[in-house]
PDBML (XML) file of the C-alpha atoms, coordinates in Angstrom:
<?xml version="1.0" encoding="UTF-8" ?>
<PDBx:datablock datablockName="MODEL"
   xmlns:PDBx="http://pdbml.pdb.org/schema/pdbx-v50.xsd"
   xmlns:xsi="http://www.w3.org/2001/XMLSchema-instance"
   xsi:schemaLocation="http://pdbml.pdb.org/schema/pdbx-v50.xsd pdbx-v50.xsd">
   <PDBx:atom_siteCategory>
      <PDBx:atom_site id="1">
         <PDBx:B_iso_or_equiv>0.00</PDBx:B_iso_or_equiv>
         <PDBx:Cartn_x>11.241</PDBx:Cartn_x>
         <PDBx:Cartn_y>8.792</PDBx:Cartn_y>
         <PDBx:Cartn_z>7.288</PDBx:Cartn_z>
         <PDBx:auth_asym_id>A</PDBx:auth_asym_id>
         <PDBx:auth_atom_id>CA</PDBx:auth_atom_id>
         <PDBx:auth_comp_id>UNK</PDBx:auth_comp_id>
         <PDBx:auth_seq_id>1</PDBx:auth_seq_id>
         <PDBx:group_PDB>ATOM</PDBx:group_PDB>
         <PDBx:label_alt_id xsi:nil="true" />
         <PDBx:label_asym_id>A</PDBx:label_asym_id>
         <PDBx:label_atom_id>CA</PDBx:label_atom_id>
         <PDBx:label_comp_id>UNK</PDBx:label_comp_id>
         <PDBx:label_entity_id>1</PDBx:label_entity_id>
         <PDBx:label_seq_id>1</PDBx:label_seq_id>
         <PDBx:occupancy>1.00</PDBx:occupancy>
         <PDBx:pdbx_PDB_model_num>1</PDBx:pdbx_PDB_model_num>
         <PDBx:type_symbol>C</PDBx:type_symbol>
      </PDBx:atom_site>
      <PDBx:atom_site id="2">
         <PDBx:B_iso_or_equiv>0.00</PDBx:B_iso_or_equiv>
         <PDBx:Cartn_x>7.626</PDBx:Cartn_x>
         <PDBx:Cartn_y>7.704</PDBx:Cartn_y>
         <PDBx:Cartn_z>7.189</PDBx:Cartn_z>
         <PDBx:auth_asym_id>A</PDBx:auth_asym_id>
         <PDBx:auth_atom_id>CA</PDBx:auth_atom_id>
         <PDBx:auth_comp_id>UNK</PDBx:auth_comp_id>
         <PDBx:auth_seq_id>2</PDBx:auth_seq_id>
         <PDBx:group_PDB>ATOM</PDBx:group_PDB>
         <PDBx:label_alt_id xsi:nil="true" />
         <PDBx:label_asym_id>A</PDBx:label_asym_id>
         <PDBx:label_atom_id>CA</PDBx:label_atom_id>
         <PDBx:label_comp_id>UNK</PDBx:label_comp_id>
         <PDBx:label_entity_id>1</PDBx:label_entity_id>
         <PDBx:label_seq_id>2</PDBx:label_seq_id>
         <PDBx:occupancy>1.00</PDBx:occupancy>
         <PDBx:pdbx_PDB_model_num>1</PDBx:pdbx_PDB_model_num>
         <PDBx:type_symbol>C</PDBx:type_symbol>
      </PDBx:atom_site>
      <PDBx:atom_site id="3">
         <PDBx:B_iso_or_equiv>0.00</PDBx:B_iso_or_equiv>
         <PDBx:Cartn_x>4.931</PDBx:Cartn_x>
         <PDBx:Cartn_y>9.584</PDBx:Cartn_y>
         <PDBx:Cartn_z>5.275</PDBx:Cartn_z>
         <PDBx:auth_asym_id>A</PDBx:auth_asym_id>
         <PDBx:auth_atom_id>CA</PDBx:auth_atom_id>
         <PDBx:auth_comp_id>UNK</PDBx:auth_comp_id>
         <PDBx:auth_seq_id>3</PDBx:auth_seq_id>
         <PDBx:group_PDB>ATOM</PDBx:group_PDB>
         <PDBx:label_alt_id xsi:nil="true" />
         <PDBx:label_asym_id>A</PDBx:label_asym_id>
         <PDBx:label_atom_id>CA</PDBx:label_atom_id>
         <PDBx:label_comp_id>UNK</PDBx:label_comp_id>
         <PDBx:label_entity_id>1</PDBx:label_entity_id>
         <PDBx:label_seq_id>3</PDBx:label_seq_id>
         <PDBx:occupancy>1.00</PDBx:occupancy>
         <PDBx:pdbx_PDB_model_num>1</PDBx:pdbx_PDB_model_num>
         <PDBx:type_symbol>C</PDBx:type_symbol>
      </PDBx:atom_site>
      <PDBx:atom_site id="4">
         <PDBx:B_iso_or_equiv>0.00</PDBx:B_iso_or_equiv>
         <PDBx:Cartn_x>1.219</PDBx:Cartn_x>
         <PDBx:Cartn_y>8.848</PDBx:Cartn_y>
         <PDBx:Cartn_z>4.965</PDBx:Cartn_z>
         <PDBx:auth_asym_id>A</PDBx:auth_asym_id>
         <PDBx:auth_atom_id>CA</PDBx:auth_atom_id>
         <PDBx:auth_comp_id>UNK</PDBx:auth_comp_id>
         <PDBx:auth_seq_id>4</PDBx:auth_seq_id>
         <PDBx:group_PDB>ATOM</PDBx:group_PDB>
         <PDBx:label_alt_id xsi:nil="true" />
         <PDBx:label_asym_id>A</PDBx:label_asym_id>
         <PDBx:label_atom_id>CA</PDBx:label_atom_id>
         <PDBx:label_comp_id>UNK</PDBx:label_comp_id>
         <PDBx:label_entity_id>1</PDBx:label_entity_id>
         <PDBx:label_seq_id>4</PDBx:label_seq_id>
         <PDBx:occupancy>1.00</PDBx:occupancy>
         <PDBx:pdbx_PDB_model_num>1</PDBx:pdbx_PDB_model_num>
         <PDBx:type_symbol>C</PDBx:type_symbol>
      </PDBx:atom_site>
      <PDBx:atom_site id="5">
         <PDBx:B_iso_or_equiv>0.00</PDBx:B_iso_or_equiv>
         <PDBx:Cartn_x>-1.041</PDBx:Cartn_x>
         <PDBx:Cartn_y>9.374</PDBx:Cartn_y>
         <PDBx:Cartn_z>1.962</PDBx:Cartn_z>
         <PDBx:auth_asym_id>A</PDBx:auth_asym_id>
         <PDBx:auth_atom_id>CA</PDBx:auth_atom_id>
         <PDBx:auth_comp_id>UNK</PDBx:auth_comp_id>
         <PDBx:auth_seq_id>5</PDBx:auth_seq_id>
         <PDBx:group_PDB>ATOM</PDBx:group_PDB>
         <PDBx:label_alt_id xsi:nil="true" />
         <PDBx:label_asym_id>A</PDBx:label_asym_id>
         <PDBx:label_atom_id>CA</PDBx:label_atom_id>
         <PDBx:label_comp_id>UNK</PDBx:label_comp_id>
         <PDBx:label_entity_id>1</PDBx:label_entity_id>
         <PDBx:label_seq_id>5</PDBx:label_seq_id>
         <PDBx:occupancy>1.00</PDBx:occupancy>
         <PDBx:pdbx_PDB_model_num>1</PDBx:pdbx_PDB_model_num>
         <PDBx:type_symbol>C</PDBx:type_symbol>
      </PDBx:atom_site>
      <PDBx:atom_site id="6">
         <PDBx:B_iso_or_equiv>0.00</PDBx:B_iso_or_equiv>
         <PDBx:Cartn_x>-4.816</PDBx:Cartn_x>
         <PDBx:Cartn_y>9.205</PDBx:Cartn_y>
         <PDBx:Cartn_z>1.694</PDBx:Cartn_z>
         <PDBx:auth_asym_id>A</PDBx:auth_asym_id>
         <PDBx:auth_atom_id>CA</PDBx:auth_atom_id>
         <PDBx:auth_comp_id>UNK</PDBx:auth_comp_id>
         <PDBx:auth_seq_id>6</PDBx:auth_seq_id>
         <PDBx:group_PDB>ATOM</PDBx:group_PDB>
         <PDBx:label_alt_id xsi:nil="true" />
         <PDBx:label_asym_id>A</PDBx:label_asym_id>
         <PDBx:label_atom_id>CA</PDBx:label_atom_id>
         <PDBx:label_comp_id>UNK</PDBx:label_comp_id>
         <PDBx:label_entity_id>1</PDBx:label_entity_id>
         <PDBx:label_seq_id>6</PDBx:label_seq_id>
         <PDBx:occupancy>1.00</PDBx:occupancy>
         <PDBx:pdbx_PDB_model_num>1</PDBx:pdbx_PDB_model_num>
         <PDBx:type_symbol>C</PDBx:type_symbol>
      </PDBx:atom_site>
      <PDBx:atom_site id="7">
         <PDBx:B_iso_or_equiv>0.00</PDBx:B_iso_or_equiv>
         <PDBx:Cartn_x>-6.537</PDBx:Cartn_x>
         <PDBx:Cartn_y>7.638</PDBx:Cartn_y>
         <PDBx:Cartn_z>-1.330</PDBx:Cartn_z>
         <PDBx:auth_asym_id>A</PDBx:auth_asym_id>
         <PDBx:auth_atom_id>CA</PDBx:auth_atom_id>
         <PDBx:auth_comp_id>UNK</PDBx:auth_comp_id>
         <PDBx:auth_seq_id>7</PDBx:auth_seq_id>
         <PDBx:group_PDB>ATOM</PDBx:group_PDB>
         <PDBx:label_alt_id xsi:nil="true" />
         <PDBx:label_asym_id>A</PDBx:label_asym_id>
         <PDBx:label_atom_id>CA</PDBx:label_atom_id>
         <PDBx:label_comp_id>UNK</PDBx:label_comp_id>
         <PDBx:label_entity_id>1</PDBx:label_entity_id>
         <PDBx:label_seq_id>7</PDBx:label_seq_id>
         <PDBx:occupancy>1.00</PDBx:occupancy>
         <PDBx:pdbx_PDB_model_num>1</PDBx:pdbx_PDB_model_num>
         <PDBx:type_symbol>C</PDBx:type_symbol>
      </PDBx:atom_site>
      <PDBx:atom_site id="8">
         <PDBx:B_iso_or_equiv>0.00</PDBx:B_iso_or_equiv>
         <PDBx:Cartn_x>-10.203</PDBx:Cartn_x>
         <PDBx:Cartn_y>7.564</PDBx:Cartn_y>
         <PDBx:Cartn_z>-2.309</PDBx:Cartn_z>
         <PDBx:auth_asym_id>A</PDBx:auth_asym_id>
         <PDBx:auth_atom_id>CA</PDBx:auth_atom_id>
         <PDBx:auth_comp_id>UNK</PDBx:auth_comp_id>
         <PDBx:auth_seq_id>8</PDBx:auth_seq_id>
         <PDBx:group_PDB>ATOM</PDBx:group_PDB>
         <PDBx:label_alt_id xsi:nil="true" />
         <PDBx:label_asym_id>A</PDBx:label_asym_id>
         <PDBx:label_atom_id>CA</PDBx:label_atom_id>
         <PDBx:label_comp_id>UNK</PDBx:label_comp_id>
         <PDBx:label_entity_id>1</PDBx:label_entity_id>
         <PDBx:label_seq_id>8</PDBx:label_seq_id>
         <PDBx:occupancy>1.00</PDBx:occupancy>
         <PDBx:pdbx_PDB_model_num>1</PDBx:pdbx_PDB_model_num>
         <PDBx:type_symbol>C</PDBx:type_symbol>
      </PDBx:atom_site>
      <PDBx:atom_site id="9">
         <PDBx:B_iso_or_equiv>0.00</PDBx:B_iso_or_equiv>
         <PDBx:Cartn_x>-12.105</PDBx:Cartn_x>
         <PDBx:Cartn_y>4.287</PDBx:Cartn_y>
         <PDBx:Cartn_z>-2.364</PDBx:Cartn_z>
         <PDBx:auth_asym_id>A</PDBx:auth_asym_id>
         <PDBx:auth_atom_id>CA</PDBx:auth_atom_id>
         <PDBx:auth_comp_id>UNK</PDBx:auth_comp_id>
         <PDBx:auth_seq_id>9</PDBx:auth_seq_id>
         <PDBx:group_PDB>ATOM</PDBx:group_PDB>
         <PDBx:label_alt_id xsi:nil="true" />
         <PDBx:label_asym_id>A</PDBx:label_asym_id>
         <PDBx:label_atom_id>CA</PDBx:label_atom_id>
         <PDBx:label_comp_id>UNK</PDBx:label_comp_id>
         <PDBx:label_entity_id>1</PDBx:label_entity_id>
         <PDBx:label_seq_id>9</PDBx:label_seq_id>
         <PDBx:occupancy>1.00</PDBx:occupancy>
         <PDBx:pdbx_PDB_model_num>1</PDBx:pdbx_PDB_model_num>
         <PDBx:type_symbol>C</PDBx:type_symbol>
      </PDBx:atom_site>
      <PDBx:atom_site id="10">
         <PDBx:B_iso_or_equiv>0.00</PDBx:B_iso_or_equiv>
         <PDBx:Cartn_x>-9.975</PDBx:Cartn_x>
         <PDBx:Cartn_y>1.156</PDBx:Cartn_y>
         <PDBx:Cartn_z>-2.674</PDBx:Cartn_z>
         <PDBx:auth_asym_id>A</PDBx:auth_asym_id>
         <PDBx:auth_atom_id>CA</PDBx:auth_atom_id>
         <PDBx:auth_comp_id>UNK</PDBx:auth_comp_id>
         <PDBx:auth_seq_id>10</PDBx:auth_seq_id>
         <PDBx:group_PDB>ATOM</PDBx:group_PDB>
         <PDBx:label_alt_id xsi:nil="true" />
         <PDBx:label_asym_id>A</PDBx:label_asym_id>
         <PDBx:label_atom_id>CA</PDBx:label_atom_id>
         <PDBx:label_comp_id>UNK</PDBx:label_comp_id>
         <PDBx:label_entity_id>1</PDBx:label_entity_id>
         <PDBx:label_seq_id>10</PDBx:label_seq_id>
         <PDBx:occupancy>1.00</PDBx:occupancy>
         <PDBx:pdbx_PDB_model_num>1</PDBx:pdbx_PDB_model_num>
         <PDBx:type_symbol>C</PDBx:type_symbol>
      </PDBx:atom_site>
      <PDBx:atom_site id="11">
         <PDBx:B_iso_or_equiv>0.00</PDBx:B_iso_or_equiv>
         <PDBx:Cartn_x>-6.245</PDBx:Cartn_x>
         <PDBx:Cartn_y>1.249</PDBx:Cartn_y>
         <PDBx:Cartn_z>-3.401</PDBx:Cartn_z>
         <PDBx:auth_asym_id>A</PDBx:auth_asym_id>
         <PDBx:auth_atom_id>CA</PDBx:auth_atom_id>
         <PDBx:auth_comp_id>UNK</PDBx:auth_comp_id>
         <PDBx:auth_seq_id>11</PDBx:auth_seq_id>
         <PDBx:group_PDB>ATOM</PDBx:group_PDB>
         <PDBx:label_alt_id xsi:nil="true" />
         <PDBx:label_asym_id>A</PDBx:label_asym_id>
         <PDBx:label_atom_id>CA</PDBx:label_atom_id>
         <PDBx:label_comp_id>UNK</PDBx:label_comp_id>
         <PDBx:label_entity_id>1</PDBx:label_entity_id>
         <PDBx:label_seq_id>11</PDBx:label_seq_id>
         <PDBx:occupancy>1.00</PDBx:occupancy>
         <PDBx:pdbx_PDB_model_num>1</PDBx:pdbx_PDB_model_num>
         <PDBx:type_symbol>C</PDBx:type_symbol>
      </PDBx:atom_site>
      <PDBx:atom_site id="12">
         <PDBx:B_iso_or_equiv>0.00</PDBx:B_iso_or_equiv>
         <PDBx:Cartn_x>-4.428</PDBx:Cartn_x>
         <PDBx:Cartn_y>-0.897</PDBx:Cartn_y>
         <PDBx:Cartn_z>-5.958</PDBx:Cartn_z>
         <PDBx:auth_asym_id>A</PDBx:auth_asym_id>
         <PDBx:auth_atom_id>CA</PDBx:auth_atom_id>
         <PDBx:auth_comp_id>UNK</PDBx:auth_comp_id>
         <PDBx:auth_seq_id>12</PDBx:auth_seq_id>
         <PDBx:group_PDB>ATOM</PDBx:group_PDB>
         <PDBx:label_alt_id xsi:nil="true" />
         <PDBx:label_asym_id>A</PDBx:label_asym_id>
         <PDBx:label_atom_id>CA</PDBx:label_atom_id>
         <PDBx:label_comp_id>UNK</PDBx:label_comp_id>
         <PDBx:label_entity_id>1</PDBx:label_entity_id>
         <PDBx:label_seq_id>12</PDBx:label_seq_id>
         <PDBx:occupancy>1.00</PDBx:occupancy>
         <PDBx:pdbx_PDB_model_num>1</PDBx:pdbx_PDB_model_num>
         <PDBx:type_symbol>C</PDBx:type_symbol>
      </PDBx:atom_site>
      <PDBx:atom_site id="13">
         <PDBx:B_iso_or_equiv>0.00</PDBx:B_iso_or_equiv>
         <PDBx:Cartn_x>-0.660</PDBx:Cartn_x>
         <PDBx:Cartn_y>-1.311</PDBx:Cartn_y>
         <PDBx:Cartn_z>-5.658</PDBx:Cartn_z>
         <PDBx:auth_asym_id>A</PDBx:auth_asym_id>
         <PDBx:auth_atom_id>CA</PDBx:auth_atom_id>
         <PDBx:auth_comp_id>UNK</PDBx:auth_comp_id>
         <PDBx:auth_seq_id>13</PDBx:auth_seq_id>
         <PDBx:group_PDB>ATOM</PDBx:group_PDB>
         <PDBx:label_alt_id xsi:nil="true" />
         <PDBx:label_asym_id>A</PDBx:label_asym_id>
         <PDBx:label_atom_id>CA</PDBx:label_atom_id>
         <PDBx:label_comp_id>UNK</PDBx:label_comp_id>
         <PDBx:label_entity_id>1</PDBx:label_entity_id>
         <PDBx:label_seq_id>13</PDBx:label_seq_id>
         <PDBx:occupancy>1.00</PDBx:occupancy>
         <PDBx:pdbx_PDB_model_num>1</PDBx:pdbx_PDB_model_num>
         <PDBx:type_symbol>C</PDBx:type_symbol>
      </PDBx:atom_site>
      <PDBx:atom_site id="14">
         <PDBx:B_iso_or_equiv>0.00</PDBx:B_iso_or_equiv>
         <PDBx:Cartn_x>1.119</PDBx:Cartn_x>
         <PDBx:Cartn_y>-2.274</PDBx:Cartn_y>
         <PDBx:Cartn_z>-8.873</PDBx:Cartn_z>
         <PDBx:auth_asym_id>A</PDBx:auth_asym_id>
         <PDBx:auth_atom_id>CA</PDBx:auth_atom_id>
         <PDBx:auth_comp_id>UNK</PDBx:auth_comp_id>
         <PDBx:auth_seq_id>14</PDBx:auth_seq_id>
         <PDBx:group_PDB>ATOM</PDBx:group_PDB>
         <PDBx:label_alt_id xsi:nil="true" />
         <PDBx:label_asym_id>A</PDBx:label_asym_id>
         <PDBx:label_atom_id>CA</PDBx:label_atom_id>
         <PDBx:label_comp_id>UNK</PDBx:label_comp_id>
         <PDBx:label_entity_id>1</PDBx:label_entity_id>
         <PDBx:label_seq_id>14</PDBx:label_seq_id>
         <PDBx:occupancy>1.00</PDBx:occupancy>
         <PDBx:pdbx_PDB_model_num>1</PDBx:pdbx_PDB_model_num>
         <PDBx:type_symbol>C</PDBx:type_symbol>
      </PDBx:atom_site>
      <PDBx:atom_site id="15">
         <PDBx:B_iso_or_equiv>0.00</PDBx:B_iso_or_equiv>
         <PDBx:Cartn_x>4.738</PDBx:Cartn_x>
         <PDBx:Cartn_y>-3.362</PDBx:Cartn_y>
         <PDBx:Cartn_z>-9.179</PDBx:Cartn_z>
         <PDBx:auth_asym_id>A</PDBx:auth_asym_id>
         <PDBx:auth_atom_id>CA</PDBx:auth_atom_id>
         <PDBx:auth_comp_id>UNK</PDBx:auth_comp_id>
         <PDBx:auth_seq_id>15</PDBx:auth_seq_id>
         <PDBx:group_PDB>ATOM</PDBx:group_PDB>
         <PDBx:label_alt_id xsi:nil="true" />
         <PDBx:label_asym_id>A</PDBx:label_asym_id>
         <PDBx:label_atom_id>CA</PDBx:label_atom_id>
         <PDBx:label_comp_id>UNK</PDBx:label_comp_id>
         <PDBx:label_entity_id>1</PDBx:label_entity_id>
         <PDBx:label_seq_id>15</PDBx:label_seq_id>
         <PDBx:occupancy>1.00</PDBx:occupancy>
         <PDBx:pdbx_PDB_model_num>1</PDBx:pdbx_PDB_model_num>
         <PDBx:type_symbol>C</PDBx:type_symbol>
      </PDBx:atom_site>
      <PDBx:atom_site id="16">
         <PDBx:B_iso_or_equiv>0.00</PDBx:B_iso_or_equiv>
         <PDBx:Cartn_x>5.732</PDBx:Cartn_x>
         <PDBx:Cartn_y>-2.593</PDBx:Cartn_y>
         <PDBx:Cartn_z>-12.763</PDBx:Cartn_z>
         <PDBx:auth_asym_id>A</PDBx:auth_asym_id>
         <PDBx:auth_atom_id>CA</PDBx:auth_atom_id>
         <PDBx:auth_comp_id>UNK</PDBx:auth_comp_id>
         <PDBx:auth_seq_id>16</PDBx:auth_seq_id>
         <PDBx:group_PDB>ATOM</PDBx:group_PDB>
         <PDBx:label_alt_id xsi:nil="true" />
         <PDBx:label_asym_id>A</PDBx:label_asym_id>
         <PDBx:label_atom_id>CA</PDBx:label_atom_id>
         <PDBx:label_comp_id>UNK</PDBx:label_comp_id>
         <PDBx:label_entity_id>1</PDBx:label_entity_id>
         <PDBx:label_seq_id>16</PDBx:label_seq_id>
         <PDBx:occupancy>1.00</PDBx:occupancy>
         <PDBx:pdbx_PDB_model_num>1</PDBx:pdbx_PDB_model_num>
         <PDBx:type_symbol>C</PDBx:type_symbol>
      </PDBx:atom_site>
      <PDBx:atom_site id="17">
         <PDBx:B_iso_or_equiv>0.00</PDBx:B_iso_or_equiv>
         <PDBx:Cartn_x>8.628</PDBx:Cartn_x>
         <PDBx:Cartn_y>-4.407</PDBx:Cartn_y>
         <PDBx:Cartn_z>-14.396</PDBx:Cartn_z>
         <PDBx:auth_asym_id>A</PDBx:auth_asym_id>
         <PDBx:auth_atom_id>CA</PDBx:auth_atom_id>
         <PDBx:auth_comp_id>UNK</PDBx:auth_comp_id>
         <PDBx:auth_seq_id>17</PDBx:auth_seq_id>
         <PDBx:group_PDB>ATOM</PDBx:group_PDB>
         <PDBx:label_alt_id xsi:nil="true" />
         <PDBx:label_asym_id>A</PDBx:label_asym_id>
         <PDBx:label_atom_id>CA</PDBx:label_atom_id>
         <PDBx:label_comp_id>UNK</PDBx:label_comp_id>
         <PDBx:label_entity_id>1</PDBx:label_entity_id>
         <PDBx:label_seq_id>17</PDBx:label_seq_id>
         <PDBx:occupancy>1.00</PDBx:occupancy>
         <PDBx:pdbx_PDB_model_num>1</PDBx:pdbx_PDB_model_num>
         <PDBx:type_symbol>C</PDBx:type_symbol>
      </PDBx:atom_site>
      <PDBx:atom_site id="18">
         <PDBx:B_iso_or_equiv>0.00</PDBx:B_iso_or_equiv>
         <PDBx:Cartn_x>11.114</PDBx:Cartn_x>
         <PDBx:Cartn_y>-2.613</PDBx:Cartn_y>
         <PDBx:Cartn_z>-16.637</PDBx:Cartn_z>
         <PDBx:auth_asym_id>A</PDBx:auth_asym_id>
         <PDBx:auth_atom_id>CA</PDBx:auth_atom_id>
         <PDBx:auth_comp_id>UNK</PDBx:auth_comp_id>
         <PDBx:auth_seq_id>18</PDBx:auth_seq_id>
         <PDBx:group_PDB>ATOM</PDBx:group_PDB>
         <PDBx:label_alt_id xsi:nil="true" />
         <PDBx:label_asym_id>A</PDBx:label_asym_id>
         <PDBx:label_atom_id>CA</PDBx:label_atom_id>
         <PDBx:label_comp_id>UNK</PDBx:label_comp_id>
         <PDBx:label_entity_id>1</PDBx:label_entity_id>
         <PDBx:label_seq_id>18</PDBx:label_seq_id>
         <PDBx:occupancy>1.00</PDBx:occupancy>
         <PDBx:pdbx_PDB_model_num>1</PDBx:pdbx_PDB_model_num>
         <PDBx:type_symbol>C</PDBx:type_symbol>
      </PDBx:atom_site>
      <PDBx:atom_site id="19">
         <PDBx:B_iso_or_equiv>0.00</PDBx:B_iso_or_equiv>
         <PDBx:Cartn_x>9.306</PDBx:Cartn_x>
         <PDBx:Cartn_y>-1.489</PDBx:Cartn_y>
         <PDBx:Cartn_z>-19.792</PDBx:Cartn_z>
         <PDBx:auth_asym_id>A</PDBx:auth_asym_id>
         <PDBx:auth_atom_id>CA</PDBx:auth_atom_id>
         <PDBx:auth_comp_id>UNK</PDBx:auth_comp_id>
         <PDBx:auth_seq_id>19</PDBx:auth_seq_id>
         <PDBx:group_PDB>ATOM</PDBx:group_PDB>
         <PDBx:label_alt_id xsi:nil="true" />
         <PDBx:label_asym_id>A</PDBx:label_asym_id>
         <PDBx:label_atom_id>CA</PDBx:label_atom_id>
         <PDBx:label_comp_id>UNK</PDBx:label_comp_id>
         <PDBx:label_entity_id>1</PDBx:label_entity_id>
         <PDBx:label_seq_id>19</PDBx:label_seq_id>
         <PDBx:occupancy>1.00</PDBx:occupancy>
         <PDBx:pdbx_PDB_model_num>1</PDBx:pdbx_PDB_model_num>
         <PDBx:type_symbol>C</PDBx:type_symbol>
      </PDBx:atom_site>
      <PDBx:atom_site id="20">
         <PDBx:B_iso_or_equiv>0.00</PDBx:B_iso_or_equiv>
         <PDBx:Cartn_x>5.877</PDBx:Cartn_x>
         <PDBx:Cartn_y>-2.612</PDBx:Cartn_y>
         <PDBx:Cartn_z>-18.517</PDBx:Cartn_z>
         <PDBx:auth_asym_id>A</PDBx:auth_asym_id>
         <PDBx:auth_atom_id>CA</PDBx:auth_atom_id>
         <PDBx:auth_comp_id>UNK</PDBx:auth_comp_id>
         <PDBx:auth_seq_id>20</PDBx:auth_seq_id>
         <PDBx:group_PDB>ATOM</PDBx:group_PDB>
         <PDBx:label_alt_id xsi:nil="true" />
         <PDBx:label_asym_id>A</PDBx:label_asym_id>
         <PDBx:label_atom_id>CA</PDBx:label_atom_id>
         <PDBx:label_comp_id>UNK</PDBx:label_comp_id>
         <PDBx:label_entity_id>1</PDBx:label_entity_id>
         <PDBx:label_seq_id>20</PDBx:label_seq_id>
         <PDBx:occupancy>1.00</PDBx:occupancy>
         <PDBx:pdbx_PDB_model_num>1</PDBx:pdbx_PDB_model_num>
         <PDBx:type_symbol>C</PDBx:type_symbol>
      </PDBx:atom_site>
      <PDBx:atom_site id="21">
         <PDBx:B_iso_or_equiv>0.00</PDBx:B_iso_or_equiv>
         <PDBx:Cartn_x>3.152</PDBx:Cartn_x>
         <PDBx:Cartn_y>-0.024</PDBx:Cartn_y>
         <PDBx:Cartn_z>-19.212</PDBx:Cartn_z>
         <PDBx:auth_asym_id>A</PDBx:auth_asym_id>
         <PDBx:auth_atom_id>CA</PDBx:auth_atom_id>
         <PDBx:auth_comp_id>UNK</PDBx:auth_comp_id>
         <PDBx:auth_seq_id>21</PDBx:auth_seq_id>
         <PDBx:group_PDB>ATOM</PDBx:group_PDB>
         <PDBx:label_alt_id xsi:nil="true" />
         <PDBx:label_asym_id>A</PDBx:label_asym_id>
         <PDBx:label_atom_id>CA</PDBx:label_atom_id>
         <PDBx:label_comp_id>UNK</PDBx:label_comp_id>
         <PDBx:label_entity_id>1</PDBx:label_entity_id>
         <PDBx:label_seq_id>21</PDBx:label_seq_id>
         <PDBx:occupancy>1.00</PDBx:occupancy>
         <PDBx:pdbx_PDB_model_num>1</PDBx:pdbx_PDB_model_num>
         <PDBx:type_symbol>C</PDBx:type_symbol>
      </PDBx:atom_site>
      <PDBx:atom_site id="22">
         <PDBx:B_iso_or_equiv>0.00</PDBx:B_iso_or_equiv>
         <PDBx:Cartn_x>-0.036</PDBx:Cartn_x>
         <PDBx:Cartn_y>0.570</PDBx:Cartn_y>
         <PDBx:Cartn_z>-17.236</PDBx:Cartn_z>
         <PDBx:auth_asym_id>A</PDBx:auth_asym_id>
         <PDBx:auth_atom_id>CA</PDBx:auth_atom_id>
         <PDBx:auth_comp_id>UNK</PDBx:auth_comp_id>
         <PDBx:auth_seq_id>22</PDBx:auth_seq_id>
         <PDBx:group_PDB>ATOM</PDBx:group_PDB>
         <PDBx:label_alt_id xsi:nil="true" />
         <PDBx:label_asym_id>A</PDBx:label_asym_id>
         <PDBx:label_atom_id>CA</PDBx:label_atom_id>
         <PDBx:label_comp_id>UNK</PDBx:label_comp_id>
         <PDBx:label_entity_id>1</PDBx:label_entity_id>
         <PDBx:label_seq_id>22</PDBx:label_seq_id>
         <PDBx:occupancy>1.00</PDBx:occupancy>
         <PDBx:pdbx_PDB_model_num>1</PDBx:pdbx_PDB_model_num>
         <PDBx:type_symbol>C</PDBx:type_symbol>
      </PDBx:atom_site>
      <PDBx:atom_site id="23">
         <PDBx:B_iso_or_equiv>0.00</PDBx:B_iso_or_equiv>
         <PDBx:Cartn_x>-2.795</PDBx:Cartn_x>
         <PDBx:Cartn_y>2.823</PDBx:Cartn_y>
         <PDBx:Cartn_z>-18.644</PDBx:Cartn_z>
         <PDBx:auth_asym_id>A</PDBx:auth_asym_id>
         <PDBx:auth_atom_id>CA</PDBx:auth_atom_id>
         <PDBx:auth_comp_id>UNK</PDBx:auth_comp_id>
         <PDBx:auth_seq_id>23</PDBx:auth_seq_id>
         <PDBx:group_PDB>ATOM</PDBx:group_PDB>
         <PDBx:label_alt_id xsi:nil="true" />
         <PDBx:label_asym_id>A</PDBx:label_asym_id>
         <PDBx:label_atom_id>CA</PDBx:label_atom_id>
         <PDBx:label_comp_id>UNK</PDBx:label_comp_id>
         <PDBx:label_entity_id>1</PDBx:label_entity_id>
         <PDBx:label_seq_id>23</PDBx:label_seq_id>
         <PDBx:occupancy>1.00</PDBx:occupancy>
         <PDBx:pdbx_PDB_model_num>1</PDBx:pdbx_PDB_model_num>
         <PDBx:type_symbol>C</PDBx:type_symbol>
      </PDBx:atom_site>
      <PDBx:atom_site id="24">
         <PDBx:B_iso_or_equiv>0.00</PDBx:B_iso_or_equiv>
         <PDBx:Cartn_x>-4.814</PDBx:Cartn_x>
         <PDBx:Cartn_y>4.657</PDBx:Cartn_y>
         <PDBx:Cartn_z>-15.993</PDBx:Cartn_z>
         <PDBx:auth_asym_id>A</PDBx:auth_asym_id>
         <PDBx:auth_atom_id>CA</PDBx:auth_atom_id>
         <PDBx:auth_comp_id>UNK</PDBx:auth_comp_id>
         <PDBx:auth_seq_id>24</PDBx:auth_seq_id>
         <PDBx:group_PDB>ATOM</PDBx:group_PDB>
         <PDBx:label_alt_id xsi:nil="true" />
         <PDBx:label_asym_id>A</PDBx:label_asym_id>
         <PDBx:label_atom_id>CA</PDBx:label_atom_id>
         <PDBx:label_comp_id>UNK</PDBx:label_comp_id>
         <PDBx:label_entity_id>1</PDBx:label_entity_id>
         <PDBx:label_seq_id>24</PDBx:label_seq_id>
         <PDBx:occupancy>1.00</PDBx:occupancy>
         <PDBx:pdbx_PDB_model_num>1</PDBx:pdbx_PDB_model_num>
         <PDBx:type_symbol>C</PDBx:type_symbol>
      </PDBx:atom_site>
      <PDBx:atom_site id="25">
         <PDBx:B_iso_or_equiv>0.00</PDBx:B_iso_or_equiv>
         <PDBx:Cartn_x>-7.502</PDBx:Cartn_x>
         <PDBx:Cartn_y>7.306</PDBx:Cartn_y>
         <PDBx:Cartn_z>-15.770</PDBx:Cartn_z>
         <PDBx:auth_asym_id>A</PDBx:auth_asym_id>
         <PDBx:auth_atom_id>CA</PDBx:auth_atom_id>
         <PDBx:auth_comp_id>UNK</PDBx:auth_comp_id>
         <PDBx:auth_seq_id>25</PDBx:auth_seq_id>
         <PDBx:group_PDB>ATOM</PDBx:group_PDB>
         <PDBx:label_alt_id xsi:nil="true" />
         <PDBx:label_asym_id>A</PDBx:label_asym_id>
         <PDBx:label_atom_id>CA</PDBx:label_atom_id>
         <PDBx:label_comp_id>UNK</PDBx:label_comp_id>
         <PDBx:label_entity_id>1</PDBx:label_entity_id>
         <PDBx:label_seq_id>25</PDBx:label_seq_id>
         <PDBx:occupancy>1.00</PDBx:occupancy>
         <PDBx:pdbx_PDB_model_num>1</PDBx:pdbx_PDB_model_num>
         <PDBx:type_symbol>C</PDBx:type_symbol>
      </PDBx:atom_site>
   </PDBx:atom_siteCategory>
</PDBx:datablock>
């Protein structure tokens, strides 16, 4: 079903490819 999340500030959606690495706080 549908679920809803809340995020602080502005949201960034990233689609990572296989093996791609993103470093995040």
